[in-house]
Each structure stands twice: as structure tokens, then as C-alpha cells.
Amino acid sequence: MKIKIFLSVIIIGFVIGGTFLVTRAYLRASQTATGSKISAGTLDMDVGGQRGTLIDPFVVDNIGAEGNITGSKTWTVNNTGTLPGQLYFRLNDVINYENDCNEPEGLIDTTCTDPGADEGELGSKLTFKVYADTQLVSTTQLTKDDMNNIRNSWNALPAVIIPAGESKQVKVEYSAGENDYGNEVQSDSVTFDARFDLVQITNAKPTP
């Protein structure tokens, strides 16, 4: 009987001890970070304060008042977003037009009277330079076959980065010496689109 009573006391002791372990409170402190979120930044730009089709085109009329032909156009590209971006520049849709064929031109350019048979010669007589800020990017002519030279030269540059809220300038210059052209360019014109791309910076180098 004494043995049974002793075992009962031991069992009760284990039960009480187990209950104490289960219900015991531990000391602790806690803090909660509220309002956590993940959001995307923005990448946007304007050119000279203008956007889309409102960007100032490069328009030069009636060149040739002087023998040496020179001129330039500068665009300021502004990063108006919250992220830095990599700037790309290229020309699209370069087209040389004959427009007309007066007698002096016809003596030199025998195909100018045949619509569609020949492109105008003005673009091939111009030296066309592109600058990123003050760095010369490309020297080429303004013909359909040459327009990709500017894109390829620009893509070969170290990355042209525009931090958020800052700007870069893209300048183009054209020139032709008085001995570089003749009557074959009379009334000719050349048109093109200047395209600007601001691209998210990634490990891979995209080609817009």
C-alpha cells in the first residue's frame, strides 16, 4: 500500500510539473513595421520640354545662298521620370527627293525627269555629324543606306545615361563645301525622322 501511495505522489508531481511548463509565460518584446509596400519607379522624357509629334523638327529651306553649306540643330533630352535611363538616338525614314528637274540639273542628272527612277542627290553630298553632348558619335551622309550608321555608332558608345531629373543634348550638324556639290542638287530635298529612346538600365544592353 505504501508503494502505491508513493507512486501516486510521483505521478501527481509529473502532472503538475507538465502543467507548469505548458502554461508558463515567456518574457518577450515585439515591434511591427506597418505600411510596407513595393512600387515601380517611372521612366519618362521630353525633348526640349515637348513630347510626341510636338518635338521641333529639323527644317532647313532654300540652302545654297552661299557656296559653303553649314547648319546644326540641338535637342535637349530631359529625363522627367524617377529612374535613370539609357539614351539612344537614331534616324528613321531617310528619303531623298528630286522634286523638280530644271535645265541645269537635267544636264548633269539625266534621270531626274524620270519619276521614281532616281533619288535626289542632296543627302549624299552632305556630311552629317551627330554629337552626344560634346562627344562626336558619327560622321556619315544622309542617304537611306547610311542612316543605320548613326544607330550602330551610338550603340557602340559607352552607355549614355541620363539620371532622373537631368538632361543630355543631342546635336546634329550638316555641311558641304562649295566644291562638294553641283547642279545635280538643284531643288532636291532630304527628309528624316529623329528618334529618341530612353531605356531602363539592365545588365543586358537592349537595342531599341
Protein backbone atom coordinates (compact mmCIF):
# COMPACT_ATOMS: atom_id res chain seq x y z
CA MET A 1 0.00 0.00 0.00
CA LYS A 2 2.85 2.37 0.84
CA ILE A 3 4.36 1.67 -2.60
CA LYS A 4 1.08 2.58 -4.37
CA ILE A 5 0.82 5.82 -2.39
CA PHE A 6 4.43 6.73 -3.27
CA LEU A 7 3.86 6.07 -6.98
CA SER A 8 0.71 8.16 -6.90
CA VAL A 9 2.63 11.08 -5.42
CA ILE A 10 5.29 10.79 -8.15
CA ILE A 11 2.65 10.70 -10.91
CA ILE A 12 0.89 13.75 -9.47
CA GLY A 13 4.26 15.56 -9.33
CA PHE A 14 4.87 14.90 -13.05
CA VAL A 15 1.37 16.09 -13.95
CA ILE A 16 1.79 19.34 -12.01
CA GLY A 17 5.24 19.89 -13.49
CA GLY A 18 3.95 19.33 -17.03
CA THR A 19 1.08 21.74 -16.47
CA PHE A 20 3.55 24.37 -15.27
CA LEU A 21 5.65 24.00 -18.39
CA VAL A 22 2.64 24.35 -20.70
CA THR A 23 1.12 27.40 -19.03
CA ARG A 24 4.32 29.28 -18.27
CA ALA A 25 4.59 32.76 -19.97
CA TYR A 26 7.95 33.80 -21.56
CA LEU A 27 9.36 37.33 -21.47
CA ARG A 28 9.44 38.94 -24.90
CA ALA A 29 9.20 42.25 -26.78
CA SER A 30 7.83 42.85 -30.30
CA GLN A 31 7.58 45.60 -32.90
CA THR A 32 5.54 45.73 -36.15
CA ALA A 33 6.64 47.53 -39.33
CA THR A 34 3.39 48.79 -40.85
CA GLY A 35 2.73 50.24 -44.30
CA SER A 36 5.36 48.21 -46.15
CA LYS A 37 4.98 48.26 -49.94
CA ILE A 38 6.82 47.71 -53.22
CA SER A 39 6.25 50.21 -56.03
CA ALA A 40 7.63 50.75 -59.53
CA GLY A 41 9.51 53.88 -60.50
CA THR A 42 8.86 55.86 -63.67
CA LEU A 43 10.89 56.32 -66.82
CA ASP A 44 9.77 59.22 -69.00
CA MET A 45 11.29 62.02 -71.02
CA ASP A 46 10.63 65.12 -73.03
CA VAL A 47 12.71 66.77 -75.72
CA GLY A 48 13.13 70.48 -75.23
CA GLY A 49 10.05 70.47 -73.00
CA GLN A 50 7.96 68.89 -75.76
CA ARG A 51 6.57 65.42 -76.34
CA GLY A 52 5.48 63.23 -79.23
CA THR A 53 4.77 64.94 -82.52
CA LEU A 54 5.28 68.35 -80.89
CA ILE A 55 9.07 67.96 -80.88
CA ASP A 56 10.70 70.63 -83.04
CA PRO A 57 11.61 69.12 -86.41
CA PHE A 58 14.83 69.88 -88.25
CA VAL A 59 13.68 72.09 -91.15
CA VAL A 60 16.06 73.98 -93.44
CA ASP A 61 14.81 75.54 -96.67
CA ASN A 62 16.47 77.03 -99.74
CA ILE A 63 20.07 76.25 -98.85
CA GLY A 64 22.74 77.46 -101.27
CA ALA A 65 22.69 81.21 -100.75
CA GLU A 66 26.39 80.76 -100.02
CA GLY A 67 28.75 78.22 -101.55
CA ASN A 68 29.63 76.52 -98.27
CA ILE A 69 26.55 74.89 -96.73
CA THR A 70 26.55 74.55 -92.93
CA GLY A 71 23.99 74.29 -90.17
CA SER A 72 23.07 72.49 -86.97
CA LYS A 73 20.23 71.54 -84.66
CA THR A 74 20.40 70.75 -80.93
CA TRP A 75 17.78 68.90 -78.92
CA THR A 76 17.82 68.80 -75.09
CA VAL A 77 16.54 65.45 -73.81
CA ASN A 78 15.15 65.66 -70.26
CA ASN A 79 14.62 62.64 -68.01
CA THR A 80 11.33 63.54 -66.31
CA GLY A 81 10.93 60.20 -64.52
CA THR A 82 12.22 58.92 -61.18
CA LEU A 83 14.70 56.37 -62.61
CA PRO A 84 17.94 56.81 -64.56
CA GLY A 85 17.68 55.82 -68.23
CA GLN A 86 19.98 54.96 -71.10
CA LEU A 87 19.55 57.27 -74.09
CA TYR A 88 19.55 56.03 -77.69
CA PHE A 89 19.32 58.15 -80.85
CA ARG A 90 18.81 57.23 -84.48
CA LEU A 91 17.40 58.48 -87.78
CA ASN A 92 14.41 56.80 -89.39
CA ASP A 93 12.84 57.08 -92.83
CA VAL A 94 15.61 58.99 -94.60
CA ILE A 95 14.24 59.92 -98.06
CA ASN A 96 15.95 61.97 -100.77
CA TYR A 97 13.59 63.70 -103.19
CA GLU A 98 14.28 65.04 -106.67
CA ASN A 99 11.25 67.37 -106.53
CA ASP A 100 11.93 69.04 -109.87
CA CYS A 101 14.34 68.93 -112.78
CA ASN A 102 15.26 72.26 -114.30
CA GLU A 103 17.54 72.53 -117.31
CA PRO A 104 20.83 72.99 -115.39
CA GLU A 105 20.12 69.94 -113.25
CA GLY A 106 18.98 67.86 -116.23
CA LEU A 107 22.31 68.38 -117.97
CA ILE A 108 24.09 66.70 -115.05
CA ASP A 109 21.43 64.31 -113.72
CA THR A 110 19.98 62.67 -116.81
CA THR A 111 17.45 60.60 -114.82
CA CYS A 112 15.87 63.43 -112.84
CA THR A 113 12.98 63.70 -115.30
CA ASP A 114 12.03 60.06 -114.74
CA PRO A 115 9.83 59.93 -111.63
CA GLY A 116 10.87 57.17 -109.26
CA ALA A 117 13.92 56.19 -111.30
CA ASP A 118 16.41 58.02 -109.12
CA GLU A 119 16.62 59.58 -105.69
CA GLY A 120 17.71 63.14 -105.15
CA GLU A 121 21.41 63.69 -104.64
CA LEU A 122 21.39 66.26 -101.82
CA GLY A 123 21.74 63.79 -98.93
CA SER A 124 24.76 62.10 -100.49
CA LYS A 125 26.54 65.46 -100.78
CA LEU A 126 26.09 66.43 -97.13
CA THR A 127 28.40 65.44 -94.31
CA PHE A 128 26.17 64.71 -91.33
CA LYS A 129 27.59 64.59 -87.79
CA VAL A 130 25.89 63.54 -84.54
CA TYR A 131 27.06 64.50 -81.06
CA ALA A 132 26.05 63.26 -77.59
CA ASP A 133 26.71 66.41 -75.55
CA THR A 134 30.16 67.29 -76.92
CA GLN A 135 31.21 63.77 -77.91
CA LEU A 136 31.23 63.05 -81.65
CA VAL A 137 29.21 59.90 -82.25
CA SER A 138 29.06 59.52 -86.01
CA THR A 139 30.08 61.12 -89.29
CA THR A 140 28.05 59.94 -92.28
CA GLN A 141 25.86 61.04 -95.20
CA LEU A 142 22.11 61.44 -95.34
CA THR A 143 21.09 58.54 -97.57
CA LYS A 144 18.82 55.58 -96.96
CA ASP A 145 21.79 53.23 -96.96
CA ASP A 146 23.73 55.34 -94.47
CA MET A 147 21.05 56.04 -91.85
CA ASN A 148 21.89 52.93 -89.81
CA ASN A 149 25.48 54.17 -89.41
CA ILE A 150 24.26 56.59 -86.74
CA ARG A 151 22.38 53.90 -84.82
CA ASN A 152 25.32 51.48 -84.94
CA SER A 153 27.80 54.15 -83.86
CA TRP A 154 25.57 55.23 -80.99
CA ASN A 155 25.03 51.66 -79.80
CA ALA A 156 28.81 51.14 -79.77
CA LEU A 157 29.27 54.05 -77.33
CA PRO A 158 29.69 53.61 -73.60
CA ALA A 159 26.17 53.90 -72.19
CA VAL A 160 24.74 57.42 -72.40
CA ILE A 161 22.98 57.62 -69.03
CA ILE A 162 20.55 60.39 -68.01
CA PRO A 163 19.93 60.40 -64.23
CA ALA A 164 16.42 61.24 -63.05
CA GLY A 165 15.77 64.96 -63.33
CA GLU A 166 18.80 65.60 -65.53
CA SER A 167 19.33 66.09 -69.26
CA LYS A 168 21.62 65.39 -72.23
CA GLN A 169 21.99 67.24 -75.51
CA VAL A 170 21.89 65.63 -78.93
CA LYS A 171 23.33 67.82 -81.67
CA VAL A 172 23.37 67.24 -85.43
CA GLU A 173 25.46 69.20 -87.90
CA TYR A 174 25.34 69.18 -91.69
CA SER A 175 27.86 70.64 -94.08
CA ALA A 176 29.00 70.62 -97.70
CA GLY A 177 31.85 72.59 -99.17
CA GLU A 178 31.27 74.64 -102.29
CA ASN A 179 33.27 72.08 -104.28
CA ASP A 180 31.33 69.09 -102.91
CA TYR A 181 28.19 69.55 -105.00
CA GLY A 182 26.92 70.98 -108.24
CA ASN A 183 23.75 71.44 -110.30
CA GLU A 184 22.65 67.86 -109.53
CA VAL A 185 21.26 69.02 -106.15
CA GLN A 186 19.09 71.85 -107.50
CA SER A 187 15.61 71.70 -105.89
CA ASP A 188 16.48 68.40 -104.15
CA SER A 189 15.47 67.81 -100.54
CA VAL A 190 16.08 65.17 -97.90
CA THR A 191 13.70 64.29 -95.06
CA PHE A 192 14.12 62.10 -91.99
CA ASP A 193 12.73 61.40 -88.53
CA ALA A 194 14.95 61.89 -85.47
CA ARG A 195 14.11 59.24 -82.87
CA PHE A 196 14.99 59.35 -79.16
CA ASP A 197 14.63 56.34 -76.84
CA LEU A 198 15.15 56.35 -73.08
CA VAL A 199 15.50 52.75 -71.88
CA GLN A 200 15.59 51.14 -68.46
CA ILE A 201 19.13 50.25 -67.38
CA THR A 202 19.63 46.47 -67.24
CA ASN A 203 22.55 44.04 -67.27
CA ALA A 204 21.80 43.26 -70.92
CA LYS A 205 22.20 46.10 -73.44
CA PRO A 206 18.95 46.44 -75.40
CA THR A 207 18.80 47.75 -78.93
CA PRO A 208 15.54 49.71 -79.41
